[in-house]
Amino acid sequence: MALNNTYDARSPQQETAVGAGAQVLLLVLLGTAMGMGTAGWLTGLAFAFATWAVLTRALHRSHPPSFGPANRVTLGRATLVGGVTALVADSFRSAPPVSLLVGLTAVALILDGVDGKVARRTGTSTALGARFDMEVDAFLILVLSVYVSMDLGPWVLLIGGMRYVFVAAARVWPWLTAPLPPSTARKTVAALQGVLLLLAGAGLLPRGVNVGVVGLALGLLVWSFGRDVVWLWRKSRAGARAASAQAAPAAQVSVRELLAR
């Protein structure tokens, strides 16, 4: 109970600072264990700073009363993702210990199923928490796709880049920003991306099998995004038709008023 009171006494901004400190500590441990190079250090520190800055700004805008237990889990997962990012960046210099990369990634993927349950159980679900969780997931998939692409080819980057392409497209076509209905299939496909990429990157299977595994991940992701885009397009068309139908009677009344004069 005292531990919870200590957590609640911290401001959200202090929580993000603690997260940044944990990220730096993890980088020190990784650097000590494997002699991480400059690229790994710079990438890891850049990730820590970016996470702290973006999250602090979001908290400043939303003014939550506390950081919340679910966000603490997500922040811990983000710390692990920062470690994976540093290892992948350093892999361009020399191959990182696969067991270390797989271990950090596996824990991050397992925790992905924890923060949502904690939020629901404690009644602390927020839009900021959901967005934070989603961004950590998306970045981990991007980093894993970069790592696997070094062996299987640049086509694997489509997996990590698809969500960011969708976000960019939404700036051009605002109808893509409409809320989507809950979907178990969408959540399952999203969860499988990390698992399948981790399986391919672990080096346990023949290269041909890894190609099939990653191809399956990409196919499922294309299907999921395609289904959502079609649903959003149909919704936008239906909304446009409804607006036109409402505008037509008003236009007819206006014409009648003009003729009556």
C-alpha atoms as a PDB file:
ATOM      1  CA  MET A   1       0.000   0.000   0.000  1.00  0.00           C
ATOM      2  CA  ALA A   2       2.867   2.375   0.828  1.00  0.00           C
ATOM      3  CA  LEU A   3       4.381   1.687  -2.566  1.00  0.00           C
ATOM      4  CA  ASN A   4       1.154   2.674  -4.332  1.00  0.00           C
ATOM      5  CA  ASN A   5       0.961   5.862  -2.283  1.00  0.00           C
ATOM      6  CA  THR A   6       4.517   6.705  -3.292  1.00  0.00           C
ATOM      7  CA  TYR A   7       3.629   6.202  -6.966  1.00  0.00           C
ATOM      8  CA  ASP A   8       0.493   8.313  -6.666  1.00  0.00           C
ATOM      9  CA  ALA A   9       2.477  11.113  -5.023  1.00  0.00           C
ATOM     10  CA  ARG A  10       4.610  11.487  -8.126  1.00  0.00           C
ATOM     11  CA  SER A  11       3.470  13.859 -10.833  1.00  0.00           C
ATOM     12  CA  PRO A  12       3.052  12.455 -14.369  1.00  0.00           C
ATOM     13  CA  GLN A  13       6.080  14.486 -15.443  1.00  0.00           C
ATOM     14  CA  GLN A  14       8.178  12.852 -12.729  1.00  0.00           C
ATOM     15  CA  GLU A  15       7.048   9.446 -13.979  1.00  0.00           C
ATOM     16  CA  THR A  16       8.329  10.208 -17.482  1.00  0.00           C
ATOM     17  CA  ALA A  17      11.655  11.337 -16.012  1.00  0.00           C
ATOM     18  CA  VAL A  18      11.915   8.045 -14.121  1.00  0.00           C
ATOM     19  CA  GLY A  19      11.208   6.229 -17.383  1.00  0.00           C
ATOM     20  CA  ALA A  20      13.982   8.125 -19.148  1.00  0.00           C
ATOM     21  CA  GLY A  21      16.362   7.267 -16.314  1.00  0.00           C
ATOM     22  CA  ALA A  22      15.416   3.589 -16.563  1.00  0.00           C
ATOM     23  CA  GLN A  23      16.098   3.726 -20.295  1.00  0.00           C
ATOM     24  CA  VAL A  24      19.579   5.122 -19.736  1.00  0.00           C
ATOM     25  CA  LEU A  25      20.255   2.486 -17.082  1.00  0.00           C
ATOM     26  CA  LEU A  26      19.236  -0.275 -19.485  1.00  0.00           C
ATOM     27  CA  LEU A  27      21.562   1.149 -22.136  1.00  0.00           C
ATOM     28  CA  VAL A  28      24.419   1.160 -19.627  1.00  0.00           C
ATOM     29  CA  LEU A  29      23.743  -2.488 -18.789  1.00  0.00           C
ATOM     30  CA  LEU A  30      23.591  -3.426 -22.479  1.00  0.00           C
ATOM     31  CA  GLY A  31      26.750  -1.476 -23.205  1.00  0.00           C
ATOM     32  CA  THR A  32      28.554  -3.202 -20.363  1.00  0.00           C
ATOM     33  CA  ALA A  33      27.342  -6.654 -21.392  1.00  0.00           C
ATOM     34  CA  MET A  34      28.112  -6.460 -25.111  1.00  0.00           C
ATOM     35  CA  GLY A  35      30.320  -3.444 -25.720  1.00  0.00           C
ATOM     36  CA  MET A  36      27.685  -1.514 -27.653  1.00  0.00           C
ATOM     37  CA  GLY A  37      28.982   0.826 -30.318  1.00  0.00           C
ATOM     38  CA  THR A  38      28.296   4.490 -31.024  1.00  0.00           C
ATOM     39  CA  ALA A  39      25.276   3.831 -33.244  1.00  0.00           C
ATOM     40  CA  GLY A  40      23.573   1.796 -30.548  1.00  0.00           C
ATOM     41  CA  TRP A  41      24.251   4.381 -27.870  1.00  0.00           C
ATOM     42  CA  LEU A  42      23.092   7.340 -29.953  1.00  0.00           C
ATOM     43  CA  THR A  43      19.963   5.562 -31.154  1.00  0.00           C
ATOM     44  CA  GLY A  44      19.052   4.391 -27.666  1.00  0.00           C
ATOM     45  CA  LEU A  45      19.573   7.837 -26.163  1.00  0.00           C
ATOM     46  CA  ALA A  46      17.601   9.452 -28.991  1.00  0.00           C
ATOM     47  CA  PHE A  47      14.745   7.044 -28.323  1.00  0.00           C
ATOM     48  CA  ALA A  48      14.834   7.834 -24.594  1.00  0.00           C
ATOM     49  CA  PHE A  49      14.776  11.588 -25.214  1.00  0.00           C
ATOM     50  CA  ALA A  50      12.022  11.370 -27.853  1.00  0.00           C
ATOM     51  CA  THR A  51       9.847   9.203 -25.611  1.00  0.00           C
ATOM     52  CA  TRP A  52      10.299  11.578 -22.685  1.00  0.00           C
ATOM     53  CA  ALA A  53       9.623  14.699 -24.787  1.00  0.00           C
ATOM     54  CA  VAL A  54       6.559  13.393 -26.636  1.00  0.00           C
ATOM     55  CA  LEU A  55       4.995  11.818 -23.559  1.00  0.00           C
ATOM     56  CA  THR A  56       5.639  14.905 -21.407  1.00  0.00           C
ATOM     57  CA  ARG A  57       4.000  17.116 -24.023  1.00  0.00           C
ATOM     58  CA  ALA A  58       0.989  14.809 -24.279  1.00  0.00           C
ATOM     59  CA  LEU A  59       0.603  14.776 -20.484  1.00  0.00           C
ATOM     60  CA  HIS A  60       0.836  18.564 -20.396  1.00  0.00           C
ATOM     61  CA  ARG A  61      -2.021  18.796 -22.879  1.00  0.00           C
ATOM     62  CA  SER A  62      -4.313  16.250 -21.219  1.00  0.00           C
ATOM     63  CA  HIS A  63      -3.575  17.143 -17.556  1.00  0.00           C
ATOM     64  CA  PRO A  64      -4.293  13.697 -16.028  1.00  0.00           C
ATOM     65  CA  PRO A  65      -4.545  13.581 -12.220  1.00  0.00           C
ATOM     66  CA  SER A  66      -1.961  10.793 -12.107  1.00  0.00           C
ATOM     67  CA  PHE A  67       0.148   8.765 -14.498  1.00  0.00           C
ATOM     68  CA  GLY A  68      -1.761   5.554 -13.782  1.00  0.00           C
ATOM     69  CA  PRO A  69      -0.655   1.931 -13.294  1.00  0.00           C
ATOM     70  CA  ALA A  70      -1.357   0.900 -16.898  1.00  0.00           C
ATOM     71  CA  ASN A  71       0.813   3.707 -18.259  1.00  0.00           C
ATOM     72  CA  ARG A  72       3.614   2.569 -15.948  1.00  0.00           C
ATOM     73  CA  VAL A  73       3.464  -0.861 -17.567  1.00  0.00           C
ATOM     74  CA  THR A  74       3.507   0.710 -21.025  1.00  0.00           C
ATOM     75  CA  LEU A  75       6.411   2.946 -20.033  1.00  0.00           C
ATOM     76  CA  GLY A  76       8.325  -0.111 -18.836  1.00  0.00           C
ATOM     77  CA  ARG A  77       7.584  -1.779 -22.161  1.00  0.00           C
ATOM     78  CA  ALA A  78       8.785   1.328 -23.980  1.00  0.00           C
ATOM     79  CA  THR A  79      12.056   1.048 -22.044  1.00  0.00           C
ATOM     80  CA  LEU A  80      12.516  -2.494 -23.345  1.00  0.00           C
ATOM     81  CA  VAL A  81      11.679  -1.343 -26.872  1.00  0.00           C
ATOM     82  CA  GLY A  82      14.377   1.307 -26.516  1.00  0.00           C
ATOM     83  CA  GLY A  83      16.842  -1.446 -25.650  1.00  0.00           C
ATOM     84  CA  VAL A  84      15.769  -3.472 -28.695  1.00  0.00           C
ATOM     85  CA  THR A  85      16.128  -0.357 -30.846  1.00  0.00           C
ATOM     86  CA  ALA A  86      19.679   0.200 -29.620  1.00  0.00           C
ATOM     87  CA  LEU A  87      20.594  -3.454 -30.302  1.00  0.00           C
ATOM     88  CA  VAL A  88      19.169  -3.332 -33.816  1.00  0.00           C
ATOM     89  CA  ALA A  89      20.989  -0.079 -34.576  1.00  0.00           C
ATOM     90  CA  ASP A  90      24.223  -1.624 -33.288  1.00  0.00           C
ATOM     91  CA  SER A  91      23.644  -4.724 -35.439  1.00  0.00           C
ATOM     92  CA  PHE A  92      24.711  -2.742 -38.512  1.00  0.00           C
ATOM     93  CA  ARG A  93      28.180  -2.740 -36.907  1.00  0.00           C
ATOM     94  CA  SER A  94      28.184  -6.255 -35.517  1.00  0.00           C
ATOM     95  CA  ALA A  95      25.576  -8.914 -34.823  1.00  0.00           C
ATOM     96  CA  PRO A  96      24.052  -8.495 -31.348  1.00  0.00           C
ATOM     97  CA  PRO A  97      23.553 -11.464 -29.015  1.00  0.00           C
ATOM     98  CA  VAL A  98      20.382 -12.987 -30.443  1.00  0.00           C
ATOM     99  CA  SER A  99      19.339 -14.328 -27.058  1.00  0.00           C
ATOM    100  CA  LEU A 100      19.476 -10.817 -25.577  1.00  0.00           C
ATOM    101  CA  LEU A 101      17.463  -9.268 -28.387  1.00  0.00           C
ATOM    102  CA  VAL A 102      14.914 -12.094 -28.317  1.00  0.00           C
ATOM    103  CA  GLY A 103      14.625 -11.885 -24.525  1.00  0.00           C
ATOM    104  CA  LEU A 104      13.947  -8.137 -24.443  1.00  0.00           C
ATOM    105  CA  THR A 105      11.480  -8.394 -27.325  1.00  0.00           C
ATOM    106  CA  ALA A 106       9.648 -11.363 -25.819  1.00  0.00           C
ATOM    107  CA  VAL A 107       9.125  -9.572 -22.501  1.00  0.00           C
ATOM    108  CA  ALA A 108       7.914  -6.449 -24.327  1.00  0.00           C
ATOM    109  CA  LEU A 109       5.423  -8.535 -26.314  1.00  0.00           C
ATOM    110  CA  ILE A 110       4.175 -10.309 -23.191  1.00  0.00           C
ATOM    111  CA  LEU A 111       3.659  -6.993 -21.391  1.00  0.00           C
ATOM    112  CA  ASP A 112       1.602  -5.807 -24.365  1.00  0.00           C
ATOM    113  CA  GLY A 113      -1.219  -7.951 -23.044  1.00  0.00           C
ATOM    114  CA  VAL A 114      -0.812  -6.667 -19.492  1.00  0.00           C
ATOM    115  CA  ASP A 115      -1.246  -2.894 -19.668  1.00  0.00           C
ATOM    116  CA  GLY A 116      -4.715  -3.083 -21.200  1.00  0.00           C
ATOM    117  CA  LYS A 117      -5.895  -5.519 -18.542  1.00  0.00           C
ATOM    118  CA  VAL A 118      -4.444  -3.314 -15.813  1.00  0.00           C
ATOM    119  CA  ALA A 119      -6.229  -0.267 -17.247  1.00  0.00           C
ATOM    120  CA  ARG A 120      -9.577  -2.047 -17.360  1.00  0.00           C
ATOM    121  CA  ARG A 121      -9.190  -3.639 -13.934  1.00  0.00           C
ATOM    122  CA  THR A 122      -8.233  -0.378 -12.241  1.00  0.00           C
ATOM    123  CA  GLY A 123     -10.672   1.763 -14.202  1.00  0.00           C
ATOM    124  CA  THR A 124      -7.871   3.972 -15.533  1.00  0.00           C
ATOM    125  CA  SER A 125      -8.386   3.568 -19.290  1.00  0.00           C
ATOM    126  CA  THR A 126      -7.692   6.826 -21.127  1.00  0.00           C
ATOM    127  CA  ALA A 127      -7.304   7.966 -24.714  1.00  0.00           C
ATOM    128  CA  LEU A 128      -3.709   8.952 -23.951  1.00  0.00           C
ATOM    129  CA  GLY A 129      -2.934   5.511 -22.542  1.00  0.00           C
ATOM    130  CA  ALA A 130      -4.428   3.771 -25.577  1.00  0.00           C
ATOM    131  CA  ARG A 131      -2.443   5.998 -27.935  1.00  0.00           C
ATOM    132  CA  PHE A 132       0.767   5.477 -25.937  1.00  0.00           C
ATOM    133  CA  ASP A 133       0.271   1.716 -26.079  1.00  0.00           C
ATOM    134  CA  MET A 134      -0.402   1.794 -29.814  1.00  0.00           C
ATOM    135  CA  GLU A 135       2.654   3.920 -30.609  1.00  0.00           C
ATOM    136  CA  VAL A 136       4.960   1.636 -28.605  1.00  0.00           C
ATOM    137  CA  ASP A 137       3.536  -1.382 -30.440  1.00  0.00           C
ATOM    138  CA  ALA A 138       3.954   0.242 -33.838  1.00  0.00           C
ATOM    139  CA  PHE A 139       7.544   1.284 -33.180  1.00  0.00           C
ATOM    140  CA  LEU A 140       8.531  -2.164 -31.952  1.00  0.00           C
ATOM    141  CA  ILE A 141       7.117  -3.688 -35.159  1.00  0.00           C
ATOM    142  CA  LEU A 142       9.079  -1.137 -37.209  1.00  0.00           C
ATOM    143  CA  VAL A 143      12.329  -1.945 -35.391  1.00  0.00           C
ATOM    144  CA  LEU A 144      11.801  -5.701 -35.740  1.00  0.00           C
ATOM    145  CA  SER A 145      11.048  -5.329 -39.443  1.00  0.00           C
ATOM    146  CA  VAL A 146      14.312  -3.419 -39.885  1.00  0.00           C
ATOM    147  CA  TYR A 147      16.199  -6.209 -38.128  1.00  0.00           C
ATOM    148  CA  VAL A 148      14.589  -9.022 -40.135  1.00  0.00           C
ATOM    149  CA  SER A 149      14.965  -7.093 -43.411  1.00  0.00           C
ATOM    150  CA  MET A 150      18.742  -7.272 -43.060  1.00  0.00           C
ATOM    151  CA  ASP A 151      18.455 -11.002 -43.723  1.00  0.00           C
ATOM    152  CA  LEU A 152      15.320 -11.368 -45.840  1.00  0.00           C
ATOM    153  CA  GLY A 153      15.362  -8.139 -47.833  1.00  0.00           C
ATOM    154  CA  PRO A 154      13.809  -4.653 -47.809  1.00  0.00           C
ATOM    155  CA  TRP A 155      10.297  -5.944 -48.573  1.00  0.00           C
ATOM    156  CA  VAL A 156       9.966  -6.789 -44.879  1.00  0.00           C
ATOM    157  CA  LEU A 157       9.973  -3.044 -44.137  1.00  0.00           C
ATOM    158  CA  LEU A 158       6.425  -2.932 -45.527  1.00  0.00           C
ATOM    159  CA  ILE A 159       5.267  -4.493 -42.267  1.00  0.00           C
ATOM    160  CA  GLY A 160       6.795  -1.833 -40.057  1.00  0.00           C
ATOM    161  CA  GLY A 161       5.997   1.032 -42.392  1.00  0.00           C
ATOM    162  CA  MET A 162       2.360   0.266 -43.170  1.00  0.00           C
ATOM    163  CA  ARG A 163       0.908   1.927 -40.098  1.00  0.00           C
ATOM    164  CA  TYR A 164       2.940   5.091 -40.696  1.00  0.00           C
ATOM    165  CA  VAL A 165       1.841   5.170 -44.339  1.00  0.00           C
ATOM    166  CA  PHE A 166      -1.749   4.933 -43.110  1.00  0.00           C
ATOM    167  CA  VAL A 167      -1.203   7.895 -40.752  1.00  0.00           C
ATOM    168  CA  ALA A 168       0.346   9.934 -43.586  1.00  0.00           C
ATOM    169  CA  ALA A 169      -2.533   9.033 -45.904  1.00  0.00           C
ATOM    170  CA  ALA A 170      -5.023  10.212 -43.283  1.00  0.00           C
ATOM    171  CA  ARG A 171      -3.593  13.718 -43.622  1.00  0.00           C
ATOM    172  CA  VAL A 172      -4.568  13.675 -47.294  1.00  0.00           C
ATOM    173  CA  TRP A 173      -7.886  11.832 -46.875  1.00  0.00           C
ATOM    174  CA  PRO A 174      -9.412  12.853 -43.515  1.00  0.00           C
ATOM    175  CA  TRP A 175     -12.092  10.157 -43.750  1.00  0.00           C
ATOM    176  CA  LEU A 176      -9.369   7.698 -42.724  1.00  0.00           C
ATOM    177  CA  THR A 177      -9.344   9.265 -39.251  1.00  0.00           C
ATOM    178  CA  ALA A 178     -12.899   8.142 -38.416  1.00  0.00           C
ATOM    179  CA  PRO A 179     -13.090   5.753 -35.428  1.00  0.00           C
ATOM    180  CA  LEU A 180     -13.140   2.076 -36.282  1.00  0.00           C
ATOM    181  CA  PRO A 181     -15.439  -0.434 -34.568  1.00  0.00           C
ATOM    182  CA  PRO A 182     -13.770  -2.857 -32.134  1.00  0.00           C
ATOM    183  CA  SER A 183     -12.388  -5.929 -33.899  1.00  0.00           C
ATOM    184  CA  THR A 184     -10.900  -9.083 -32.419  1.00  0.00           C
ATOM    185  CA  ALA A 185      -9.429  -9.922 -35.823  1.00  0.00           C
ATOM    186  CA  ARG A 186      -7.601  -6.588 -35.977  1.00  0.00           C
ATOM    187  CA  LYS A 187      -6.151  -7.067 -32.490  1.00  0.00           C
ATOM    188  CA  THR A 188      -5.098 -10.625 -33.302  1.00  0.00           C
ATOM    189  CA  VAL A 189      -3.341  -9.609 -36.522  1.00  0.00           C
ATOM    190  CA  ALA A 190      -1.560  -6.762 -34.727  1.00  0.00           C
ATOM    191  CA  ALA A 191      -0.367  -9.090 -31.980  1.00  0.00           C
ATOM    192  CA  LEU A 192       0.836 -11.687 -34.476  1.00  0.00           C
ATOM    193  CA  GLN A 193       3.121  -9.199 -36.239  1.00  0.00           C
ATOM    194  CA  GLY A 194       5.547  -9.013 -33.336  1.00  0.00           C
ATOM    195  CA  VAL A 195       5.431 -12.745 -32.657  1.00  0.00           C
ATOM    196  CA  LEU A 196       6.063 -13.727 -36.284  1.00  0.00           C
ATOM    197  CA  LEU A 197       8.826 -11.152 -36.773  1.00  0.00           C
ATOM    198  CA  LEU A 198      10.490 -12.297 -33.554  1.00  0.00           C
ATOM    199  CA  LEU A 199      10.269 -15.907 -34.714  1.00  0.00           C
ATOM    200  CA  ALA A 200      11.909 -15.001 -38.007  1.00  0.00           C
ATOM    201  CA  GLY A 201      14.592 -12.901 -36.323  1.00  0.00           C
ATOM    202  CA  ALA A 202      15.498 -15.540 -33.735  1.00  0.00           C
ATOM    203  CA  GLY A 203      17.406 -17.579 -36.305  1.00  0.00           C
ATOM    204  CA  LEU A 204      15.830 -20.868 -35.230  1.00  0.00           C
ATOM    205  CA  LEU A 205      14.248 -21.745 -38.580  1.00  0.00           C
ATOM    206  CA  PRO A 206      15.636 -22.208 -42.112  1.00  0.00           C
ATOM    207  CA  ARG A 207      15.656 -19.074 -44.243  1.00  0.00           C
ATOM    208  CA  GLY A 208      12.926 -20.373 -46.532  1.00  0.00           C
ATOM    209  CA  VAL A 209      10.628 -20.977 -43.594  1.00  0.00           C
ATOM    210  CA  ASN A 210      11.365 -17.489 -42.263  1.00  0.00           C
ATOM    211  CA  VAL A 211      10.351 -16.035 -45.622  1.00  0.00           C
ATOM    212  CA  GLY A 212       7.050 -17.866 -45.345  1.00  0.00           C
ATOM    213  CA  VAL A 213       6.526 -16.723 -41.753  1.00  0.00           C
ATOM    214  CA  VAL A 214       7.163 -13.063 -42.575  1.00  0.00           C
ATOM    215  CA  GLY A 215       5.116 -13.368 -45.775  1.00  0.00           C
ATOM    216  CA  LEU A 216       2.212 -14.617 -43.672  1.00  0.00           C
ATOM    217  CA  ALA A 217       2.603 -11.650 -41.327  1.00  0.00           C
ATOM    218  CA  LEU A 218       2.591  -9.222 -44.253  1.00  0.00           C
ATOM    219  CA  GLY A 219      -0.404 -10.874 -45.885  1.00  0.00           C
ATOM    220  CA  LEU A 220      -2.440 -10.721 -42.685  1.00  0.00           C
ATOM    221  CA  LEU A 221      -1.498  -7.081 -42.184  1.00  0.00           C
ATOM    222  CA  VAL A 222      -2.477  -6.115 -45.744  1.00  0.00           C
ATOM    223  CA  TRP A 223      -5.815  -7.886 -45.272  1.00  0.00           C
ATOM    224  CA  SER A 224      -6.450  -6.140 -41.937  1.00  0.00           C
ATOM    225  CA  PHE A 225      -5.572  -2.660 -43.192  1.00  0.00           C
ATOM    226  CA  GLY A 226      -7.442  -3.245 -46.441  1.00  0.00           C
ATOM    227  CA  ARG A 227     -10.589  -4.299 -44.602  1.00  0.00           C
ATOM    228  CA  ASP A 228     -10.448  -1.228 -42.368  1.00  0.00           C
ATOM    229  CA  VAL A 229      -9.833   1.143 -45.284  1.00  0.00           C
ATOM    230  CA  VAL A 230     -12.797  -0.287 -47.195  1.00  0.00           C
ATOM    231  CA  TRP A 231     -15.011   0.067 -44.105  1.00  0.00           C
ATOM    232  CA  LEU A 232     -13.913   3.680 -43.586  1.00  0.00           C
ATOM    233  CA  TRP A 233     -14.461   4.512 -47.269  1.00  0.00           C
ATOM    234  CA  ARG A 234     -17.957   3.042 -47.250  1.00  0.00           C
ATOM    235  CA  LYS A 235     -18.753   4.941 -44.062  1.00  0.00           C
ATOM    236  CA  SER A 236     -17.565   8.209 -45.603  1.00  0.00           C
ATOM    237  CA  ARG A 237     -19.644   7.580 -48.752  1.00  0.00           C
ATOM    238  CA  ALA A 238     -22.709   6.767 -46.665  1.00  0.00           C
ATOM    239  CA  GLY A 239     -22.194   9.968 -44.683  1.00  0.00           C
ATOM    240  CA  ALA A 240     -21.865  11.994 -47.879  1.00  0.00           C
ATOM    241  CA  ARG A 241     -25.093  10.506 -49.267  1.00  0.00           C
ATOM    242  CA  ALA A 242     -26.926  11.209 -46.000  1.00  0.00           C
ATOM    243  CA  ALA A 243     -25.729  14.823 -46.043  1.00  0.00           C
ATOM    244  CA  SER A 244     -26.863  15.213 -49.664  1.00  0.00           C
ATOM    245  CA  ALA A 245     -30.267  13.750 -48.835  1.00  0.00           C
ATOM    246  CA  GLN A 246     -30.708  16.231 -45.977  1.00  0.00           C
ATOM    247  CA  ALA A 247     -29.589  19.162 -48.106  1.00  0.00           C
ATOM    248  CA  ALA A 248     -31.983  18.362 -50.979  1.00  0.00           C
ATOM    249  CA  PRO A 249     -35.285  19.188 -49.135  1.00  0.00           C
ATOM    250  CA  ALA A 250     -33.788  22.420 -47.820  1.00  0.00           C
ATOM    251  CA  ALA A 251     -32.808  23.428 -51.354  1.00  0.00           C
ATOM    252  CA  GLN A 252     -36.308  22.634 -52.609  1.00  0.00           C
ATOM    253  CA  VAL A 253     -37.867  24.811 -49.897  1.00  0.00           C
ATOM    254  CA  SER A 254     -35.567  27.679 -50.839  1.00  0.00           C
ATOM    255  CA  VAL A 255     -36.573  27.434 -54.507  1.00  0.00           C
ATOM    256  CA  ARG A 256     -40.269  27.426 -53.565  1.00  0.00           C
ATOM    257  CA  GLU A 257     -39.788  30.510 -51.395  1.00  0.00           C
ATOM    258  CA  LEU A 258     -38.110  32.323 -54.289  1.00  0.00           C
ATOM    259  CA  LEU A 259     -40.933  31.396 -56.690  1.00  0.00           C
ATOM    260  CA  ALA A 260     -43.553  32.485 -54.165  1.00  0.00           C
ATOM    261  CA  ARG A 261     -42.008  35.935 -54.128  1.00  0.00           C
END
